[in-house]
Amino acid sequence: MFLIGYDIGSSSIKAALLDAETGRCLAASTGSAGELVMNVPRSGWAEQDPEMWWQEVIKATHGLRRQYDFDPAAVKGIGIAYQMHGLVCVDENQQVLRPSIIWCDSRAVAIGDKAAQELGNDYTLPHLLNSPGNFTASKLKWVQLNQPGIYARIRHIMLPGDFIGMRLTGQPATTLSGLSEGIFWDFAEQQVSKRLLDHYGIDRSLLSPIVPTFGEQGRVTEKAAELLGLRAGIPVTYRSGDQPNNAFSLNVLQPGEAATTAGTSGVVYAVHDTAAYDAESRVNTFMHVNQTETDIRNGVLMCLNGTGILNSWLRGITGGLSYESMNELAAKAPVGSEGLQIFPFGNGAERILANRQPGARVEGLEFGVHHQQHLLRAGQEGIVFALTYGVDIMRQMGLQISRVRAGKANMFLSPLFREAFANTVGVTIELYNTDGALGAARGAGIGAGVYNSFPEAFIGMECLASIEPEPALSKAYGESYAAWKNRLDEILSIL
């Protein structure tokens, strides 16, 4: 038996083929070489073509077939993980009406701030667990205000993973966790927020029908099967936003457990069993994948937009070195980069900074002191320091974070990054042989009934390494972080 998982990212589309009986990854494929196109029509905006995602899914699926000759009739389920908070608008014929306004687009910040003020914290925080902010509901309001002709033609709005689900099955659908990440869900009343929809003047019928996170959500159509090289009728049995899915892929399901990732964005995600929220919505609470009517499982998420994208930018300006060479070079500079500081805030409004946009900054540069290795190390340290800043907020909310799990991928491939993270955040890092696409495949196995329990779904997943904080390094990183944070506070005070 086989399971297929897709990870619909903003940088790439990945697919994984899982042997359901052994939990072993048989093939992994990316749609196209290089990063996907992200259009920036104006400063602070970010869009992608949803049909591009679908074409990348097709390419990635054919990549699986080239790597491993499997029988499509033996595929028992398909799972989808996807970039969160994007807005896809389709008409009555399921045709895309405009490019997707994706997660790092900042155009709706003012709309969300105005709604928060008018609705009041006494409603938004206990009911939505967040400010309306720059999330999907506010992005839809932007379309209504600025593109009324397009808005009038919308039949369904959906998240990026919902769109891929629709292309696979022909059926528009979403999940409760998806509604929560779009800030459409009222946690106190356990239903779609009528008050928010009424405030924004959005008709409930525009939201896609609700399907379970784990369970049949539709079946692959004849048309999709022909394009993918699969068989018609395979059930789509799981979908989740990328960060809840990343946590799931690491078997982070219970209160007190935490996951982290550092791809295009950087995230720390901790599971909580209460309706916790930050009074300033600098970190955000969404429904976790295993929430039930009797057991509260929410995910508290801190997100840093400028993570892997900063590392990619540094790669470009330092001559296109391999990431491995960059990591080796960065390790030659001392902790603190001899006073060179980087603030990785150049990729849209940052939630941990209350949606402010200070821009990316390089400070303390001395031509006679600093060289390439200092710049590369300061980049990795700046990312870690910004993540620590967000974890501090989570701890102020009462979350106890002493151990985090991560896939051995992206920036966690860097020994320096792992060292800096463990010693600055003050946690033990456990690295596992998994990623978002494999997590989506395991989720599909639960939804299809291949696995009868969550523990059963994680057969084959192994801890590859554990990184503990070291007292001497923790002291050095702590001092550098304190200096970085003091300077950040100065920057924010003048914005």
Protein backbone atom coordinates (compact mmCIF):
# COMPACT_ATOMS: atom_id res chain seq x y z
CA MET A 1 0.00 0.00 0.00
CA PHE A 2 1.19 3.52 -0.86
CA LEU A 3 0.29 6.99 0.32
CA ILE A 4 1.05 10.28 -1.45
CA GLY A 5 1.60 13.62 0.27
CA TYR A 6 1.89 17.06 -1.31
CA ASP A 7 3.42 20.15 0.29
CA ILE A 8 2.20 23.29 -1.49
CA GLY A 9 4.80 25.90 -0.55
CA SER A 10 5.45 29.37 -1.87
CA SER A 11 9.04 28.44 -2.85
CA SER A 12 8.41 24.94 -4.18
CA ILE A 13 5.83 22.17 -4.53
CA LYS A 14 6.96 18.84 -3.10
CA ALA A 15 5.54 15.34 -3.32
CA ALA A 16 6.39 12.22 -1.35
CA LEU A 17 5.53 8.55 -1.81
CA LEU A 18 5.28 6.61 1.45
CA ASP A 19 5.28 2.85 1.93
CA ALA A 20 2.30 2.62 4.27
CA GLU A 21 3.46 -0.63 5.89
CA THR A 22 7.06 0.31 6.71
CA GLY A 23 6.73 4.11 6.96
CA ARG A 24 9.65 4.42 4.55
CA CYS A 25 9.86 7.23 2.00
CA LEU A 26 10.15 5.56 -1.41
CA ALA A 27 10.39 8.70 -3.53
CA ALA A 28 10.44 12.48 -3.08
CA SER A 29 10.08 14.99 -5.87
CA THR A 30 9.94 18.74 -6.43
CA GLY A 31 7.95 20.17 -9.31
CA SER A 32 10.51 22.51 -10.91
CA ALA A 33 14.13 23.28 -10.25
CA GLY A 34 14.63 26.65 -8.60
CA GLU A 35 12.23 28.73 -6.56
CA LEU A 36 8.69 29.43 -7.74
CA VAL A 37 7.81 32.87 -9.04
CA MET A 38 6.42 35.24 -6.44
CA ASN A 39 5.00 38.40 -8.02
CA VAL A 40 5.40 41.70 -6.16
CA PRO A 41 3.17 44.25 -7.97
CA ARG A 42 3.82 46.81 -5.23
CA SER A 43 5.99 47.06 -2.14
CA GLY A 44 4.50 44.85 0.57
CA TRP A 45 2.39 42.81 -1.86
CA ALA A 46 2.98 39.16 -2.79
CA GLU A 47 0.97 37.05 -5.24
CA GLN A 48 1.18 33.71 -7.00
CA ASP A 49 -0.84 32.04 -9.73
CA PRO A 50 -2.80 29.08 -8.25
CA GLU A 51 -2.71 27.31 -11.62
CA MET A 52 1.09 27.36 -11.34
CA TRP A 53 0.76 25.35 -8.12
CA TRP A 54 -1.41 22.79 -9.91
CA GLN A 55 1.08 22.45 -12.77
CA GLU A 56 3.83 21.94 -10.21
CA VAL A 57 1.78 19.22 -8.50
CA ILE A 58 1.50 17.45 -11.85
CA LYS A 59 5.27 17.70 -12.43
CA ALA A 60 6.07 16.53 -8.89
CA THR A 61 3.75 13.53 -9.25
CA HIS A 62 5.43 12.47 -12.48
CA GLY A 63 8.73 12.86 -10.66
CA LEU A 64 7.57 10.24 -8.14
CA ARG A 65 6.68 7.85 -10.97
CA ARG A 66 10.14 8.31 -12.53
CA GLN A 67 11.87 7.57 -9.21
CA TYR A 68 9.79 4.58 -8.15
CA ASP A 69 7.65 2.41 -10.40
CA PHE A 70 4.54 1.98 -8.25
CA ASP A 71 1.08 0.72 -9.12
CA PRO A 72 -1.39 3.65 -8.91
CA ALA A 73 -4.08 1.15 -7.91
CA ALA A 74 -2.18 0.58 -4.66
CA VAL A 75 -2.35 4.25 -3.62
CA LYS A 76 -4.83 4.34 -0.73
CA GLY A 77 -4.93 8.05 0.02
CA ILE A 78 -3.62 11.52 -0.80
CA GLY A 79 -2.79 14.25 1.74
CA ILE A 80 -2.24 17.96 1.20
CA ALA A 81 -0.20 20.44 3.22
CA TYR A 82 -0.15 24.04 2.08
CA GLN A 83 1.10 27.56 2.66
CA MET A 84 -1.28 29.20 5.13
CA HIS A 85 -3.36 32.39 4.96
CA GLY A 86 -3.50 32.74 1.19
CA LEU A 87 -6.68 33.75 -0.65
CA VAL A 88 -7.84 31.99 -3.82
CA CYS A 89 -11.01 33.23 -5.55
CA VAL A 90 -12.82 31.10 -8.14
CA ASP A 91 -15.99 31.61 -10.16
CA GLU A 92 -18.94 29.26 -10.69
CA ASN A 93 -16.87 27.30 -13.23
CA GLN A 94 -14.01 26.88 -10.75
CA GLN A 95 -11.82 29.24 -12.76
CA VAL A 96 -9.35 31.45 -10.91
CA LEU A 97 -10.44 35.09 -10.90
CA ARG A 98 -7.20 36.74 -9.78
CA PRO A 99 -3.74 35.76 -8.51
CA SER A 100 -3.68 34.41 -4.97
CA ILE A 101 -2.84 36.98 -2.31
CA ILE A 102 -0.38 34.85 -0.33
CA TRP A 103 0.77 34.63 3.28
CA CYS A 104 3.47 37.34 3.25
CA ASP A 105 1.34 39.96 1.46
CA SER A 106 0.78 43.00 3.72
CA ARG A 107 -1.90 44.94 1.84
CA ALA A 108 -4.73 44.09 4.25
CA VAL A 109 -2.97 45.13 7.48
CA ALA A 110 -4.88 48.42 7.76
CA ILE A 111 -8.19 46.66 7.04
CA GLY A 112 -7.57 44.13 9.80
CA ASP A 113 -6.44 46.81 12.26
CA LYS A 114 -9.58 48.86 11.57
CA ALA A 115 -11.80 45.80 12.07
CA ALA A 116 -10.05 44.97 15.35
CA GLN A 117 -10.67 48.49 16.62
CA GLU A 118 -14.32 48.49 15.57
CA LEU A 119 -15.11 44.98 16.79
CA GLY A 120 -13.13 45.48 19.99
CA ASN A 121 -10.72 43.22 21.86
CA ASP A 122 -13.56 41.94 24.03
CA TYR A 123 -14.85 40.13 20.93
CA THR A 124 -11.80 39.46 18.72
CA LEU A 125 -9.51 37.94 21.35
CA PRO A 126 -11.82 35.54 23.25
CA HIS A 127 -13.77 34.61 20.11
CA LEU A 128 -11.23 34.64 17.27
CA LEU A 129 -8.14 34.20 19.50
CA ASN A 130 -6.50 36.73 17.20
CA SER A 131 -6.91 40.17 15.73
CA PRO A 132 -8.40 39.95 12.21
CA GLY A 133 -4.97 41.18 11.16
CA ASN A 134 -3.56 40.41 7.76
CA PHE A 135 -5.29 37.05 7.42
CA THR A 136 -7.51 35.60 4.70
CA ALA A 137 -10.74 37.29 5.79
CA SER A 138 -9.09 40.72 5.66
CA LYS A 139 -7.56 39.93 2.26
CA LEU A 140 -11.02 39.07 0.96
CA LYS A 141 -12.32 42.39 2.27
CA TRP A 142 -9.50 44.09 0.34
CA VAL A 143 -10.73 42.47 -2.87
CA GLN A 144 -14.28 43.57 -2.10
CA LEU A 145 -13.17 47.18 -1.59
CA ASN A 146 -10.64 47.44 -4.40
CA GLN A 147 -11.81 44.99 -7.08
CA PRO A 148 -15.61 44.95 -6.81
CA GLY A 149 -16.02 43.52 -10.30
CA ILE A 150 -13.94 40.48 -9.41
CA TYR A 151 -15.58 40.18 -6.00
CA ALA A 152 -19.03 40.06 -7.60
CA ARG A 153 -18.00 37.01 -9.64
CA ILE A 154 -16.64 34.97 -6.71
CA ARG A 155 -18.47 31.69 -6.10
CA HIS A 156 -16.01 30.19 -3.62
CA ILE A 157 -13.01 31.47 -1.72
CA MET A 158 -10.45 29.00 -0.49
CA LEU A 159 -6.98 28.51 0.90
CA PRO A 160 -4.12 27.29 -1.33
CA GLY A 161 -4.52 23.66 -0.23
CA ASP A 162 -8.26 23.85 -0.77
CA PHE A 163 -7.58 24.90 -4.35
CA ILE A 164 -5.33 21.89 -4.97
CA GLY A 165 -7.97 19.69 -3.34
CA MET A 166 -10.52 21.12 -5.77
CA ARG A 167 -8.29 20.46 -8.77
CA LEU A 168 -7.86 16.86 -7.58
CA THR A 169 -11.50 16.11 -6.76
CA GLY A 170 -13.55 18.73 -8.58
CA GLN A 171 -15.10 19.72 -5.24
CA PRO A 172 -14.46 22.99 -3.37
CA ALA A 173 -13.97 22.28 0.34
CA THR A 174 -12.16 23.48 3.45
CA THR A 175 -11.62 22.34 7.04
CA LEU A 176 -12.35 23.76 10.48
CA SER A 177 -8.63 24.32 11.06
CA GLY A 178 -8.50 26.12 7.71
CA LEU A 179 -11.36 28.38 8.72
CA SER A 180 -9.55 29.17 11.95
CA GLU A 181 -6.35 30.15 10.14
CA GLY A 182 -8.35 32.45 7.86
CA ILE A 183 -9.88 34.05 11.02
CA PHE A 184 -13.36 32.94 10.00
CA TRP A 185 -13.93 30.71 13.06
CA ASP A 186 -15.48 31.71 16.40
CA PHE A 187 -13.82 29.51 19.04
CA ALA A 188 -16.20 30.59 21.81
CA GLU A 189 -19.35 29.79 19.82
CA GLN A 190 -17.83 26.88 17.85
CA GLN A 191 -19.09 28.06 14.51
CA VAL A 192 -18.21 30.35 11.62
CA SER A 193 -18.04 33.90 12.95
CA LYS A 194 -21.25 35.56 11.83
CA ARG A 195 -20.16 38.78 13.52
CA LEU A 196 -16.91 39.05 11.56
CA LEU A 197 -18.60 38.15 8.27
CA ASP A 198 -21.34 40.70 8.91
CA HIS A 199 -18.79 43.34 9.82
CA TYR A 200 -16.90 42.74 6.59
CA GLY A 201 -20.12 42.35 4.56
CA ILE A 202 -19.08 38.87 3.39
CA ASP A 203 -21.74 36.31 2.47
CA ARG A 204 -21.33 32.96 4.28
CA SER A 205 -22.03 31.16 1.00
CA LEU A 206 -18.62 32.24 -0.37
CA LEU A 207 -16.90 29.92 2.11
CA SER A 208 -16.28 26.43 0.82
CA PRO A 209 -18.14 23.44 2.36
CA ILE A 210 -16.46 21.93 5.43
CA VAL A 211 -14.82 18.49 5.32
CA PRO A 212 -12.93 16.68 8.11
CA THR A 213 -9.17 17.20 8.43
CA PHE A 214 -8.76 13.40 8.50
CA GLY A 215 -11.30 11.56 6.36
CA GLU A 216 -12.60 11.40 2.82
CA GLN A 217 -12.73 14.86 1.22
CA GLY A 218 -13.45 13.74 -2.33
CA ARG A 219 -11.91 11.43 -4.91
CA VAL A 220 -9.51 12.05 -7.77
CA THR A 221 -11.42 12.75 -10.97
CA GLU A 222 -10.80 11.12 -14.33
CA LYS A 223 -9.38 14.40 -15.66
CA ALA A 224 -6.97 14.88 -12.74
CA ALA A 225 -5.93 11.21 -12.83
CA GLU A 226 -5.00 11.47 -16.50
CA LEU A 227 -2.88 14.58 -15.87
CA LEU A 228 -1.15 13.07 -12.83
CA GLY A 229 -0.61 9.55 -14.12
CA LEU A 230 -2.63 8.14 -11.22
CA ARG A 231 -5.93 6.30 -11.12
CA ALA A 232 -9.33 7.92 -10.78
CA GLY A 233 -11.09 7.36 -7.49
CA ILE A 234 -8.12 7.67 -5.09
CA PRO A 235 -9.53 9.41 -2.00
CA VAL A 236 -8.11 12.70 -0.77
CA THR A 237 -8.14 12.07 2.98
CA TYR A 238 -6.15 14.82 4.72
CA ARG A 239 -5.35 18.51 4.43
CA SER A 240 -3.73 21.02 6.72
CA GLY A 241 -1.88 24.32 6.70
CA ASP A 242 1.87 23.87 6.49
CA GLN A 243 2.68 24.73 10.10
CA PRO A 244 0.05 22.54 11.80
CA ASN A 245 1.10 19.87 9.31
CA ASN A 246 4.78 20.35 10.12
CA ALA A 247 3.92 19.79 13.78
CA PHE A 248 1.84 16.75 12.88
CA SER A 249 4.64 15.36 10.68
CA LEU A 250 6.86 15.47 13.79
CA ASN A 251 4.23 13.74 15.96
CA VAL A 252 3.63 16.98 17.89
CA LEU A 253 0.04 16.48 18.99
CA GLN A 254 -0.17 16.89 22.77
CA PRO A 255 -0.06 19.91 25.10
CA GLY A 256 3.50 20.94 25.91
CA GLU A 257 4.95 19.59 22.65
CA ALA A 258 6.50 21.97 20.13
CA ALA A 259 7.80 21.95 16.57
CA THR A 260 9.92 24.33 14.56
CA THR A 261 10.83 24.86 10.94
CA ALA A 262 13.05 27.31 9.08
CA GLY A 263 12.26 27.33 5.39
CA THR A 264 11.12 30.44 3.52
CA SER A 265 9.62 31.54 6.84
CA GLY A 266 10.66 30.52 10.34
CA VAL A 267 8.12 29.12 12.77
CA VAL A 268 7.84 27.80 16.29
CA TYR A 269 4.52 26.03 16.90
CA ALA A 270 3.42 24.75 20.32
CA VAL A 271 0.32 22.70 21.15
CA HIS A 272 -1.90 24.01 23.96
CA ASP A 273 -5.11 22.70 25.53
CA THR A 274 -6.67 26.09 26.26
CA ALA A 275 -7.95 28.97 24.17
CA ALA A 276 -4.78 30.99 24.80
CA TYR A 277 -4.04 34.20 22.94
CA ASP A 278 -1.58 37.07 22.93
CA ALA A 279 -3.23 40.39 23.79
CA GLU A 280 -1.38 42.05 20.87
CA SER A 281 -1.81 39.13 18.43
CA ARG A 282 1.95 39.02 17.88
CA VAL A 283 1.72 35.23 17.94
CA ASN A 284 -1.41 33.48 16.77
CA THR A 285 -3.63 30.63 17.88
CA PHE A 286 -5.25 28.27 15.38
CA MET A 287 -7.04 24.96 15.63
CA HIS A 288 -4.61 22.04 15.54
CA VAL A 289 -5.21 19.03 13.30
CA ASN A 290 -6.31 16.71 16.14
CA GLN A 291 -8.86 19.03 17.77
CA THR A 292 -12.02 17.16 18.75
CA GLU A 293 -15.33 18.09 20.36
CA THR A 294 -14.04 16.86 23.72
CA ASP A 295 -10.28 17.61 23.56
CA ILE A 296 -9.03 21.14 22.89
CA ARG A 297 -5.89 21.08 20.79
CA ASN A 298 -4.85 24.49 19.59
CA GLY A 299 -1.56 25.46 18.00
CA VAL A 300 0.14 28.67 19.11
CA LEU A 301 2.25 29.86 16.21
CA MET A 302 4.97 32.46 15.93
CA CYS A 303 6.09 33.26 12.41
CA LEU A 304 9.10 35.12 11.06
CA ASN A 305 8.68 36.00 7.39
CA GLY A 306 12.33 36.65 6.54
CA THR A 307 14.10 33.35 7.23
CA GLY A 308 15.22 31.19 4.31
CA ILE A 309 14.57 34.13 2.02
CA LEU A 310 17.30 36.08 3.86
CA ASN A 311 19.70 33.16 3.54
CA SER A 312 18.87 32.94 -0.17
CA TRP A 313 19.49 36.68 -0.55
CA LEU A 314 22.86 36.35 1.20
CA ARG A 315 23.73 33.51 -1.14
CA GLY A 316 23.03 35.74 -4.11
CA ILE A 317 25.17 38.65 -2.97
CA THR A 318 28.08 36.43 -1.89
CA GLY A 319 28.58 34.89 -5.29
CA GLY A 320 26.20 31.95 -5.32
CA LEU A 321 28.05 29.72 -2.87
CA SER A 322 26.40 26.43 -1.98
CA TYR A 323 24.46 26.53 1.27
CA GLU A 324 26.88 23.98 2.71
CA SER A 325 29.83 26.26 1.88
CA MET A 326 27.97 29.23 3.38
CA ASN A 327 27.44 27.29 6.62
CA GLU A 328 31.11 26.29 6.79
CA LEU A 329 32.24 29.86 6.15
CA ALA A 330 29.84 31.34 8.71
CA ALA A 331 31.18 28.98 11.38
CA LYS A 332 34.62 30.63 11.05
CA ALA A 333 33.28 33.85 12.61
CA PRO A 334 32.85 34.04 16.40
CA VAL A 335 29.55 34.10 18.29
CA GLY A 336 28.12 37.61 17.93
CA SER A 337 29.84 38.18 14.55
CA GLU A 338 32.12 40.75 16.21
CA GLY A 339 29.30 43.25 16.60
CA LEU A 340 27.75 42.87 13.15
CA GLN A 341 23.94 42.59 13.46
CA ILE A 342 21.28 41.65 10.92
CA PHE A 343 17.56 42.26 11.46
CA PRO A 344 15.69 39.89 9.09
CA PHE A 345 12.49 41.88 8.63
CA GLY A 346 12.43 42.59 4.90
CA ASN A 347 9.61 40.30 3.73
CA GLY A 348 6.36 42.07 4.58
CA ALA A 349 4.63 42.95 7.83
CA GLU A 350 5.93 40.91 10.76
CA ARG A 351 3.33 39.61 13.18
CA ILE A 352 5.79 39.30 16.07
CA LEU A 353 6.36 43.05 15.65
CA ALA A 354 2.60 43.79 15.72
CA ASN A 355 2.51 43.98 11.90
CA ARG A 356 5.14 46.71 11.72
CA GLN A 357 7.60 46.77 8.84
CA PRO A 358 11.01 48.07 9.93
CA GLY A 359 12.65 46.52 6.88
CA ALA A 360 15.78 44.39 6.92
CA ARG A 361 18.85 46.07 8.40
CA VAL A 362 22.57 45.41 8.60
CA GLU A 363 24.15 47.36 11.47
CA GLY A 364 27.58 47.68 13.05
CA LEU A 365 29.50 47.01 9.85
CA GLU A 366 33.21 47.87 10.06
CA PHE A 367 35.19 47.49 6.84
CA GLY A 368 38.44 46.68 8.64
CA VAL A 369 36.84 44.01 10.84
CA HIS A 370 34.03 42.27 9.02
CA HIS A 371 34.30 39.89 6.09
CA GLN A 372 32.08 37.43 4.28
CA GLN A 373 32.00 34.97 7.15
CA HIS A 374 30.77 37.64 9.58
CA LEU A 375 27.92 38.62 7.26
CA LEU A 376 26.84 35.00 6.81
CA ARG A 377 26.99 34.26 10.53
CA ALA A 378 25.15 37.49 11.39
CA GLY A 379 22.39 36.39 9.01
CA GLN A 380 21.91 33.06 10.76
CA GLU A 381 22.17 34.65 14.19
CA GLY A 382 19.68 37.38 13.25
CA ILE A 383 17.14 34.75 12.21
CA VAL A 384 17.65 32.83 15.46
CA PHE A 385 17.39 36.02 17.52
CA ALA A 386 14.12 36.97 15.82
CA LEU A 387 12.74 33.49 16.48
CA THR A 388 13.81 33.81 20.12
CA TYR A 389 11.98 37.13 20.30
CA GLY A 390 8.81 35.31 19.26
CA VAL A 391 9.35 32.41 21.66
CA ASP A 392 9.69 34.95 24.49
CA ILE A 393 6.15 36.13 23.68
CA MET A 394 4.88 32.54 23.75
CA ARG A 395 6.47 31.98 27.13
CA GLN A 396 4.83 35.15 28.43
CA MET A 397 1.51 33.51 27.49
CA GLY A 398 2.38 30.62 29.82
CA LEU A 399 3.65 28.08 27.30
CA GLN A 400 6.46 25.90 28.61
CA ILE A 401 8.88 25.26 25.74
CA SER A 402 11.97 23.26 26.66
CA ARG A 403 12.20 20.78 23.78
CA VAL A 404 11.36 21.23 20.10
CA ARG A 405 11.25 18.83 17.16
CA ALA A 406 12.36 19.70 13.65
CA GLY A 407 12.89 17.98 10.36
CA LYS A 408 16.52 17.81 9.26
CA ALA A 409 15.96 20.17 6.37
CA ASN A 410 16.30 23.78 5.24
CA MET A 411 18.23 25.88 7.76
CA PHE A 412 18.32 23.04 10.29
CA LEU A 413 20.85 21.41 7.96
CA SER A 414 23.32 24.02 9.26
CA PRO A 415 25.23 22.91 12.41
CA LEU A 416 25.77 26.59 13.23
CA PHE A 417 22.07 27.36 13.00
CA ARG A 418 21.22 24.40 15.23
CA GLU A 419 23.84 25.47 17.79
CA ALA A 420 22.63 29.07 17.81
CA PHE A 421 18.98 28.02 18.11
CA ALA A 422 19.50 25.57 20.97
CA ASN A 423 21.67 27.96 22.98
CA THR A 424 19.74 31.18 22.38
CA VAL A 425 16.20 29.84 22.71
CA GLY A 426 17.34 27.54 25.53
CA VAL A 427 15.84 24.31 24.24
CA THR A 428 16.84 20.81 23.23
CA ILE A 429 16.38 20.24 19.49
CA GLU A 430 15.40 16.81 18.19
CA LEU A 431 15.92 16.28 14.45
CA TYR A 432 13.81 13.75 12.54
CA ASN A 433 13.78 12.18 9.09
CA THR A 434 10.56 13.79 7.95
CA ASP A 435 9.17 16.79 6.12
CA GLY A 436 5.83 18.35 5.22
CA ALA A 437 5.09 16.11 2.25
CA LEU A 438 5.77 12.96 4.28
CA GLY A 439 3.58 14.34 7.07
CA ALA A 440 0.78 14.87 4.57
CA ALA A 441 1.16 11.28 3.39
CA ARG A 442 0.96 9.98 6.98
CA GLY A 443 -2.11 12.15 7.55
CA ALA A 444 -3.68 10.64 4.44
CA GLY A 445 -3.08 7.20 5.94
CA ILE A 446 -5.04 8.11 9.06
CA GLY A 447 -7.83 9.68 7.03
CA ALA A 448 -8.07 6.65 4.74
CA GLY A 449 -8.19 4.20 7.65
CA VAL A 450 -4.85 2.64 6.73
CA TYR A 451 -3.68 3.53 10.23
CA ASN A 452 -5.92 3.05 13.24
CA SER A 453 -4.12 5.47 15.54
CA PHE A 454 -1.70 8.37 15.52
CA PRO A 455 1.21 6.33 16.96
CA GLU A 456 0.72 3.72 14.23
CA ALA A 457 1.09 6.43 11.56
CA PHE A 458 4.62 7.30 12.66
CA ILE A 459 6.24 3.95 12.04
CA GLY A 460 9.54 4.55 10.27
CA MET A 461 10.14 8.02 11.70
CA GLU A 462 13.46 8.23 13.56
CA CYS A 463 15.26 10.80 15.69
CA LEU A 464 18.51 11.51 13.84
CA ALA A 465 20.18 13.81 16.36
CA SER A 466 19.61 15.71 19.57
CA ILE A 467 21.27 19.08 20.26
CA GLU A 468 21.48 20.28 23.87
CA PRO A 469 22.32 23.79 25.08
CA GLU A 470 25.85 24.21 26.43
CA PRO A 471 26.42 26.62 29.37
CA ALA A 472 29.38 28.53 27.87
CA LEU A 473 27.71 28.90 24.47
CA SER A 474 24.37 29.80 26.05
CA LYS A 475 26.06 32.67 27.89
CA ALA A 476 27.76 33.99 24.75
CA TYR A 477 24.62 33.72 22.61
CA GLY A 478 22.51 35.22 25.41
CA GLU A 479 24.72 38.32 25.53
CA SER A 480 24.60 38.74 21.76
CA TYR A 481 20.82 38.30 21.75
CA ALA A 482 20.40 40.90 24.51
CA ALA A 483 22.38 43.44 22.46
CA TRP A 484 20.37 42.60 19.33
CA LYS A 485 17.06 42.91 21.18
CA ASN A 486 18.04 46.25 22.74
CA ARG A 487 18.79 47.62 19.29
CA LEU A 488 15.51 46.21 17.92
CA ASP A 489 13.59 47.96 20.72
CA GLU A 490 15.25 51.23 19.71
CA ILE A 491 14.30 50.71 16.07
CA LEU A 492 10.69 49.90 16.93
CA SER A 493 10.39 52.92 19.24
CA ILE A 494 10.82 55.32 16.32
CA LEU A 495 8.47 53.58 13.87
